[in-house]
Amino acid sequence: MKTNLLSTGEVAALLAIKRYQLEYALSEGHLPEPRSRFLGKRCFAPDEVRVVAAYFGKVKTDNGENTDGGGTCSDSLT
């Protein structure tokens, strides 16, 4: 099963926020920690990215596109 996951930096870039803003929101408990980690780093699933987007007041389209681009944390985690 292939799952597209985004790193903290990739989520920040996708939502046009600073990485430290996302890390601060996570460390203070304003946002839940993502369920997955890869090599000790946070990996955000699409549903978790939507939660982050909502917290920061960013709008995402139904197909997950945003004008800022994106990437993957890991091509697959099984």
PDB file of N, CA and C in Angstrom:
ATOM      1  N   MET A   1       0.844  -1.176   0.000  1.00  0.00           N
ATOM      2  CA  MET A   1       0.000   0.000   0.000  1.00  0.00           C
ATOM      3  C   MET A   1       0.887   1.236   0.000  1.00  0.00           C
ATOM      4  N   LYS A   2       0.597   2.163  -0.875  1.00  0.00           N
ATOM      5  CA  LYS A   2       1.392   3.370  -0.996  1.00  0.00           C
ATOM      6  C   LYS A   2       0.662   4.531  -0.336  1.00  0.00           C
ATOM      7  N   THR A   3       1.347   5.199   0.566  1.00  0.00           N
ATOM      8  CA  THR A   3       0.758   6.320   1.282  1.00  0.00           C
ATOM      9  C   THR A   3       1.667   7.531   1.120  1.00  0.00           C
ATOM     10  N   ASN A   4       1.119   8.633   0.650  1.00  0.00           N
ATOM     11  CA  ASN A   4       1.901   9.864   0.537  1.00  0.00           C
ATOM     12  C   ASN A   4       1.865  10.589   1.869  1.00  0.00           C
ATOM     13  N   LEU A   5       3.027  10.810   2.421  1.00  0.00           N
ATOM     14  CA  LEU A   5       3.165  11.509   3.687  1.00  0.00           C
ATOM     15  C   LEU A   5       4.064  12.719   3.481  1.00  0.00           C
ATOM     16  N   LEU A   6       3.827  13.755   4.251  1.00  0.00           N
ATOM     17  CA  LEU A   6       4.617  14.976   4.154  1.00  0.00           C
ATOM     18  C   LEU A   6       5.381  15.222   5.447  1.00  0.00           C
ATOM     19  N   SER A   7       6.588  15.721   5.316  1.00  0.00           N
ATOM     20  CA  SER A   7       7.388  16.080   6.485  1.00  0.00           C
ATOM     21  C   SER A   7       6.894  17.419   7.033  1.00  0.00           C
ATOM     22  N   THR A   8       7.409  17.782   8.196  1.00  0.00           N
ATOM     23  CA  THR A   8       7.040  19.055   8.814  1.00  0.00           C
ATOM     24  C   THR A   8       7.374  20.221   7.880  1.00  0.00           C
ATOM     25  N   GLY A   9       8.543  20.202   7.304  1.00  0.00           N
ATOM     26  CA  GLY A   9       8.947  21.269   6.383  1.00  0.00           C
ATOM     27  C   GLY A   9       8.091  21.318   5.138  1.00  0.00           C
ATOM     28  N   GLU A  10       7.727  20.147   4.629  1.00  0.00           N
ATOM     29  CA  GLU A  10       6.889  20.094   3.434  1.00  0.00           C
ATOM     30  C   GLU A  10       5.481  20.625   3.726  1.00  0.00           C
ATOM     31  N   VAL A  11       4.937  20.297   4.897  1.00  0.00           N
ATOM     32  CA  VAL A  11       3.614  20.808   5.277  1.00  0.00           C
ATOM     33  C   VAL A  11       3.679  22.323   5.421  1.00  0.00           C
ATOM     34  N   ALA A  12       4.725  22.816   6.064  1.00  0.00           N
ATOM     35  CA  ALA A  12       4.881  24.262   6.238  1.00  0.00           C
ATOM     36  C   ALA A  12       4.962  24.958   4.879  1.00  0.00           C
ATOM     37  N   ALA A  13       5.751  24.425   3.967  1.00  0.00           N
ATOM     38  CA  ALA A  13       5.875  25.023   2.639  1.00  0.00           C
ATOM     39  C   ALA A  13       4.552  24.961   1.883  1.00  0.00           C
ATOM     40  N   LEU A  14       3.870  23.844   1.975  1.00  0.00           N
ATOM     41  CA  LEU A  14       2.592  23.664   1.299  1.00  0.00           C
ATOM     42  C   LEU A  14       1.567  24.693   1.756  1.00  0.00           C
ATOM     43  N   LEU A  15       1.581  25.000   3.044  1.00  0.00           N
ATOM     44  CA  LEU A  15       0.598  25.923   3.614  1.00  0.00           C
ATOM     45  C   LEU A  15       1.097  27.359   3.713  1.00  0.00           C
ATOM     46  N   ALA A  16       2.303  27.600   3.234  1.00  0.00           N
ATOM     47  CA  ALA A  16       2.902  28.944   3.255  1.00  0.00           C
ATOM     48  C   ALA A  16       2.981  29.500   4.677  1.00  0.00           C
ATOM     49  N   ILE A  17       3.457  28.660   5.585  1.00  0.00           N
ATOM     50  CA  ILE A  17       3.720  29.089   6.955  1.00  0.00           C
ATOM     51  C   ILE A  17       5.178  28.767   7.261  1.00  0.00           C
ATOM     52  N   LYS A  18       5.678  29.296   8.354  1.00  0.00           N
ATOM     53  CA  LYS A  18       7.041  28.993   8.776  1.00  0.00           C
ATOM     54  C   LYS A  18       7.058  27.655   9.503  1.00  0.00           C
ATOM     55  N   ARG A  19       8.121  26.898   9.297  1.00  0.00           N
ATOM     56  CA  ARG A  19       8.253  25.592   9.940  1.00  0.00           C
ATOM     57  C   ARG A  19       8.160  25.716  11.460  1.00  0.00           C
ATOM     58  N   TYR A  20       8.788  26.745  12.012  1.00  0.00           N
ATOM     59  CA  TYR A  20       8.776  26.900  13.467  1.00  0.00           C
ATOM     60  C   TYR A  20       7.365  27.144  13.994  1.00  0.00           C
ATOM     61  N   GLN A  21       6.495  27.761  13.181  1.00  0.00           N
ATOM     62  CA  GLN A  21       5.112  27.973  13.612  1.00  0.00           C
ATOM     63  C   GLN A  21       4.394  26.633  13.791  1.00  0.00           C
ATOM     64  N   LEU A  22       4.606  25.737  12.853  1.00  0.00           N
ATOM     65  CA  LEU A  22       4.003  24.406  12.943  1.00  0.00           C
ATOM     66  C   LEU A  22       4.590  23.633  14.111  1.00  0.00           C
ATOM     67  N   GLU A  23       5.909  23.679  14.259  1.00  0.00           N
ATOM     68  CA  GLU A  23       6.552  22.971  15.361  1.00  0.00           C
ATOM     69  C   GLU A  23       6.097  23.503  16.720  1.00  0.00           C
ATOM     70  N   TYR A  24       5.915  24.809  16.823  1.00  0.00           N
ATOM     71  CA  TYR A  24       5.442  25.402  18.069  1.00  0.00           C
ATOM     72  C   TYR A  24       4.016  24.943  18.383  1.00  0.00           C
ATOM     73  N   ALA A  25       3.137  24.970  17.391  1.00  0.00           N
ATOM     74  CA  ALA A  25       1.753  24.536  17.591  1.00  0.00           C
ATOM     75  C   ALA A  25       1.702  23.078  18.040  1.00  0.00           C
ATOM     76  N   LEU A  26       2.583  22.249  17.513  1.00  0.00           N
ATOM     77  CA  LEU A  26       2.652  20.842  17.918  1.00  0.00           C
ATOM     78  C   LEU A  26       3.184  20.711  19.343  1.00  0.00           C
ATOM     79  N   SER A  27       4.266  21.422  19.648  1.00  0.00           N
ATOM     80  CA  SER A  27       4.888  21.292  20.968  1.00  0.00           C
ATOM     81  C   SER A  27       4.002  21.820  22.091  1.00  0.00           C
ATOM     82  N   GLU A  28       3.172  22.816  21.794  1.00  0.00           N
ATOM     83  CA  GLU A  28       2.284  23.396  22.798  1.00  0.00           C
ATOM     84  C   GLU A  28       0.956  22.653  22.907  1.00  0.00           C
ATOM     85  N   GLY A  29       0.751  21.644  22.064  1.00  0.00           N
ATOM     86  CA  GLY A  29      -0.470  20.847  22.124  1.00  0.00           C
ATOM     87  C   GLY A  29      -1.660  21.463  21.408  1.00  0.00           C
ATOM     88  N   HIS A  30      -1.420  22.492  20.618  1.00  0.00           N
ATOM     89  CA  HIS A  30      -2.508  23.102  19.855  1.00  0.00           C
ATOM     90  C   HIS A  30      -2.935  22.201  18.701  1.00  0.00           C
ATOM     91  N   LEU A  31      -2.021  21.378  18.240  1.00  0.00           N
ATOM     92  CA  LEU A  31      -2.282  20.400  17.186  1.00  0.00           C
ATOM     93  C   LEU A  31      -1.825  19.031  17.677  1.00  0.00           C
ATOM     94  N   PRO A  32      -2.531  17.972  17.269  1.00  0.00           N
ATOM     95  CA  PRO A  32      -2.091  16.634  17.667  1.00  0.00           C
ATOM     96  C   PRO A  32      -0.843  16.209  16.892  1.00  0.00           C
ATOM     97  N   GLU A  33      -0.012  15.418  17.535  1.00  0.00           N
ATOM     98  CA  GLU A  33       1.148  14.862  16.849  1.00  0.00           C
ATOM     99  C   GLU A  33       0.663  13.937  15.730  1.00  0.00           C
ATOM    100  N   PRO A  34       1.361  13.930  14.605  1.00  0.00           N
ATOM    101  CA  PRO A  34       0.958  13.010  13.542  1.00  0.00           C
ATOM    102  C   PRO A  34       1.140  11.560  13.986  1.00  0.00           C
ATOM    103  N   ARG A  35       0.338  10.676  13.415  1.00  0.00           N
ATOM    104  CA  ARG A  35       0.372   9.257  13.796  1.00  0.00           C
ATOM    105  C   ARG A  35       1.657   8.564  13.364  1.00  0.00           C
ATOM    106  N   SER A  36       2.263   9.017  12.271  1.00  0.00           N
ATOM    107  CA  SER A  36       3.421   8.325  11.696  1.00  0.00           C
ATOM    108  C   SER A  36       4.714   9.097  11.907  1.00  0.00           C
ATOM    109  N   ARG A  37       5.769   8.326  12.031  1.00  0.00           N
ATOM    110  CA  ARG A  37       7.129   8.873  12.050  1.00  0.00           C
ATOM    111  C   ARG A  37       7.981   8.004  11.153  1.00  0.00           C
ATOM    112  N   PHE A  38       8.957   8.618  10.510  1.00  0.00           N
ATOM    113  CA  PHE A  38       9.893   7.898   9.659  1.00  0.00           C
ATOM    114  C   PHE A  38      11.275   8.404  10.013  1.00  0.00           C
ATOM    115  N   LEU A  39      12.130   7.513  10.464  1.00  0.00           N
ATOM    116  CA  LEU A  39      13.466   7.869  10.923  1.00  0.00           C
ATOM    117  C   LEU A  39      13.412   8.955  11.993  1.00  0.00           C
ATOM    118  N   GLY A  40      12.417   8.867  12.864  1.00  0.00           N
ATOM    119  CA  GLY A  40      12.275   9.794  13.978  1.00  0.00           C
ATOM    120  C   GLY A  40      11.663  11.140  13.635  1.00  0.00           C
ATOM    121  N   LYS A  41      11.280  11.331  12.374  1.00  0.00           N
ATOM    122  CA  LYS A  41      10.705  12.610  11.956  1.00  0.00           C
ATOM    123  C   LYS A  41       9.201  12.472  11.754  1.00  0.00           C
ATOM    124  N   ARG A  42       8.495  13.543  12.041  1.00  0.00           N
ATOM    125  CA  ARG A  42       7.041  13.558  11.871  1.00  0.00           C
ATOM    126  C   ARG A  42       6.687  13.411  10.390  1.00  0.00           C
ATOM    127  N   CYS A  43       5.663  12.610  10.125  1.00  0.00           N
ATOM    128  CA  CYS A  43       5.146  12.433   8.776  1.00  0.00           C
ATOM    129  C   CYS A  43       3.637  12.620   8.810  1.00  0.00           C
ATOM    130  N   PHE A  44       3.147  13.584   8.059  1.00  0.00           N
ATOM    131  CA  PHE A  44       1.737  13.957   8.078  1.00  0.00           C
ATOM    132  C   PHE A  44       0.986  13.308   6.926  1.00  0.00           C
ATOM    133  N   ALA A  45      -0.097  12.619   7.251  1.00  0.00           N
ATOM    134  CA  ALA A  45      -1.002  12.054   6.262  1.00  0.00           C
ATOM    135  C   ALA A  45      -1.909  13.178   5.749  1.00  0.00           C
ATOM    136  N   PRO A  46      -2.563  12.970   4.605  1.00  0.00           N
ATOM    137  CA  PRO A  46      -3.429  14.020   4.053  1.00  0.00           C
ATOM    138  C   PRO A  46      -4.491  14.537   5.033  1.00  0.00           C
ATOM    139  N   ASP A  47      -5.103  13.654   5.805  1.00  0.00           N
ATOM    140  CA  ASP A  47      -6.123  14.115   6.759  1.00  0.00           C
ATOM    141  C   ASP A  47      -5.502  14.974   7.862  1.00  0.00           C
ATOM    142  N   GLU A  48      -4.261  14.675   8.247  1.00  0.00           N
ATOM    143  CA  GLU A  48      -3.581  15.474   9.264  1.00  0.00           C
ATOM    144  C   GLU A  48      -3.176  16.839   8.705  1.00  0.00           C
ATOM    145  N   VAL A  49      -2.833  16.883   7.425  1.00  0.00           N
ATOM    146  CA  VAL A  49      -2.508  18.160   6.777  1.00  0.00           C
ATOM    147  C   VAL A  49      -3.744  19.049   6.753  1.00  0.00           C
ATOM    148  N   ARG A  50      -4.915  18.467   6.522  1.00  0.00           N
ATOM    149  CA  ARG A  50      -6.156  19.251   6.531  1.00  0.00           C
ATOM    150  C   ARG A  50      -6.420  19.855   7.912  1.00  0.00           C
ATOM    151  N   VAL A  51      -6.099  19.118   8.971  1.00  0.00           N
ATOM    152  CA  VAL A  51      -6.268  19.636  10.335  1.00  0.00           C
ATOM    153  C   VAL A  51      -5.323  20.825  10.555  1.00  0.00           C
ATOM    154  N   VAL A  52      -4.084  20.679  10.117  1.00  0.00           N
ATOM    155  CA  VAL A  52      -3.105  21.764  10.246  1.00  0.00           C
ATOM    156  C   VAL A  52      -3.564  22.975   9.431  1.00  0.00           C
ATOM    157  N   ALA A  53      -4.040  22.731   8.216  1.00  0.00           N
ATOM    158  CA  ALA A  53      -4.512  23.815   7.353  1.00  0.00           C
ATOM    159  C   ALA A  53      -5.659  24.573   8.019  1.00  0.00           C
ATOM    160  N   ALA A  54      -6.582  23.845   8.606  1.00  0.00           N
ATOM    161  CA  ALA A  54      -7.717  24.473   9.283  1.00  0.00           C
ATOM    162  C   ALA A  54      -7.241  25.300  10.481  1.00  0.00           C
ATOM    163  N   TYR A  55      -6.288  24.776  11.234  1.00  0.00           N
ATOM    164  CA  TYR A  55      -5.767  25.492  12.399  1.00  0.00           C
ATOM    165  C   TYR A  55      -5.158  26.832  11.991  1.00  0.00           C
ATOM    166  N   PHE A  56      -4.423  26.826  10.881  1.00  0.00           N
ATOM    167  CA  PHE A  56      -3.761  28.049  10.426  1.00  0.00           C
ATOM    168  C   PHE A  56      -4.636  28.883   9.490  1.00  0.00           C
ATOM    169  N   GLY A  57      -5.886  28.466   9.288  1.00  0.00           N
ATOM    170  CA  GLY A  57      -6.812  29.234   8.465  1.00  0.00           C
ATOM    171  C   GLY A  57      -6.502  29.175   6.985  1.00  0.00           C
ATOM    172  N   LYS A  58      -5.892  28.085   6.532  1.00  0.00           N
ATOM    173  CA  LYS A  58      -5.558  27.912   5.121  1.00  0.00           C
ATOM    174  C   LYS A  58      -6.628  27.053   4.459  1.00  0.00           C
ATOM    175  N   VAL A  59      -6.931  27.347   3.229  1.00  0.00           N
ATOM    176  CA  VAL A  59      -7.952  26.595   2.495  1.00  0.00           C
ATOM    177  C   VAL A  59      -7.269  25.653   1.523  1.00  0.00           C
ATOM    178  N   LYS A  60      -7.718  24.392   1.519  1.00  0.00           N
ATOM    179  CA  LYS A  60      -7.203  23.390   0.595  1.00  0.00           C
ATOM    180  C   LYS A  60      -8.350  22.959  -0.304  1.00  0.00           C
ATOM    181  N   THR A  61      -8.048  22.574  -1.534  1.00  0.00           N
ATOM    182  CA  THR A  61      -9.071  22.083  -2.441  1.00  0.00           C
ATOM    183  C   THR A  61      -9.405  20.639  -2.119  1.00  0.00           C
ATOM    184  N   ASP A  62     -10.486  20.122  -2.697  1.00  0.00           N
ATOM    185  CA  ASP A  62     -10.905  18.742  -2.446  1.00  0.00           C
ATOM    186  C   ASP A  62      -9.864  17.728  -2.892  1.00  0.00           C
ATOM    187  N   ASN A  63      -9.091  18.039  -3.922  1.00  0.00           N
ATOM    188  CA  ASN A  63      -8.088  17.085  -4.402  1.00  0.00           C
ATOM    189  C   ASN A  63      -6.734  17.275  -3.725  1.00  0.00           C
ATOM    190  N   GLY A  64      -6.676  18.114  -2.687  1.00  0.00           N
ATOM    191  CA  GLY A  64      -5.461  18.274  -1.905  1.00  0.00           C
ATOM    192  C   GLY A  64      -4.458  19.253  -2.473  1.00  0.00           C
ATOM    193  N   GLU A  65      -4.800  19.919  -3.576  1.00  0.00           N
ATOM    194  CA  GLU A  65      -3.855  20.834  -4.188  1.00  0.00           C
ATOM    195  C   GLU A  65      -3.850  22.187  -3.487  1.00  0.00           C
ATOM    196  N   ASN A  66      -2.692  22.790  -3.477  1.00  0.00           N
ATOM    197  CA  ASN A  66      -2.517  24.137  -2.952  1.00  0.00           C
ATOM    198  C   ASN A  66      -1.504  24.791  -3.868  1.00  0.00           C
ATOM    199  N   THR A  67      -1.566  26.068  -4.048  1.00  0.00           N
ATOM    200  CA  THR A  67      -0.684  26.737  -5.000  1.00  0.00           C
ATOM    201  C   THR A  67       0.781  26.690  -4.589  1.00  0.00           C
ATOM    202  N   ASP A  68       1.087  26.270  -3.369  1.00  0.00           N
ATOM    203  CA  ASP A  68       2.465  26.273  -2.888  1.00  0.00           C
ATOM    204  C   ASP A  68       3.225  24.979  -3.167  1.00  0.00           C
ATOM    205  N   GLY A  69       2.607  23.970  -3.746  1.00  0.00           N
ATOM    206  CA  GLY A  69       3.303  22.729  -4.067  1.00  0.00           C
ATOM    207  C   GLY A  69       3.284  21.734  -2.929  1.00  0.00           C
ATOM    208  N   GLY A  70       4.227  20.777  -2.935  1.00  0.00           N
ATOM    209  CA  GLY A  70       4.265  19.747  -1.903  1.00  0.00           C
ATOM    210  C   GLY A  70       5.294  18.698  -2.214  1.00  0.00           C
ATOM    211  N   GLY A  71       5.287  17.605  -1.477  1.00  0.00           N
ATOM    212  CA  GLY A  71       6.227  16.522  -1.666  1.00  0.00           C
ATOM    213  C   GLY A  71       5.799  15.352  -0.825  1.00  0.00           C
ATOM    214  N   THR A  72       6.711  14.425  -0.620  1.00  0.00           N
ATOM    215  CA  THR A  72       6.363  13.281   0.205  1.00  0.00           C
ATOM    216  C   THR A  72       7.417  13.070   1.264  1.00  0.00           C
ATOM    217  N   CYS A  73       7.002  12.619   2.415  1.00  0.00           N
ATOM    218  CA  CYS A  73       7.913  12.285   3.502  1.00  0.00           C
ATOM    219  C   CYS A  73       8.544  10.930   3.200  1.00  0.00           C
ATOM    220  N   SER A  74       7.718  10.015   2.764  1.00  0.00           N
ATOM    221  CA  SER A  74       8.146   8.668   2.399  1.00  0.00           C
ATOM    222  C   SER A  74       7.134   8.141   1.418  1.00  0.00           C
ATOM    223  N   ASP A  75       7.583   7.461   0.389  1.00  0.00           N
ATOM    224  CA  ASP A  75       6.639   6.950  -0.596  1.00  0.00           C
ATOM    225  C   ASP A  75       5.726   5.893  -0.019  1.00  0.00           C
ATOM    226  N   SER A  76       6.211   5.137   0.937  1.00  0.00           N
ATOM    227  CA  SER A  76       5.325   4.136   1.532  1.00  0.00           C
ATOM    228  C   SER A  76       5.797   3.767   2.927  1.00  0.00           C
ATOM    229  N   LEU A  77       4.846   3.539   3.752  1.00  0.00           N
ATOM    230  CA  LEU A  77       5.066   2.979   5.082  1.00  0.00           C
ATOM    231  C   LEU A  77       4.031   1.889   5.250  1.00  0.00           C
ATOM    232  N   THR A  78       4.455   0.696   5.488  1.00  0.00           N
ATOM    233  CA  THR A  78       3.481  -0.403   5.644  1.00  0.00           C
ATOM    234  C   THR A  78       3.564  -1.015   7.001  1.00  0.00           C
TER     235      THR A  78
END
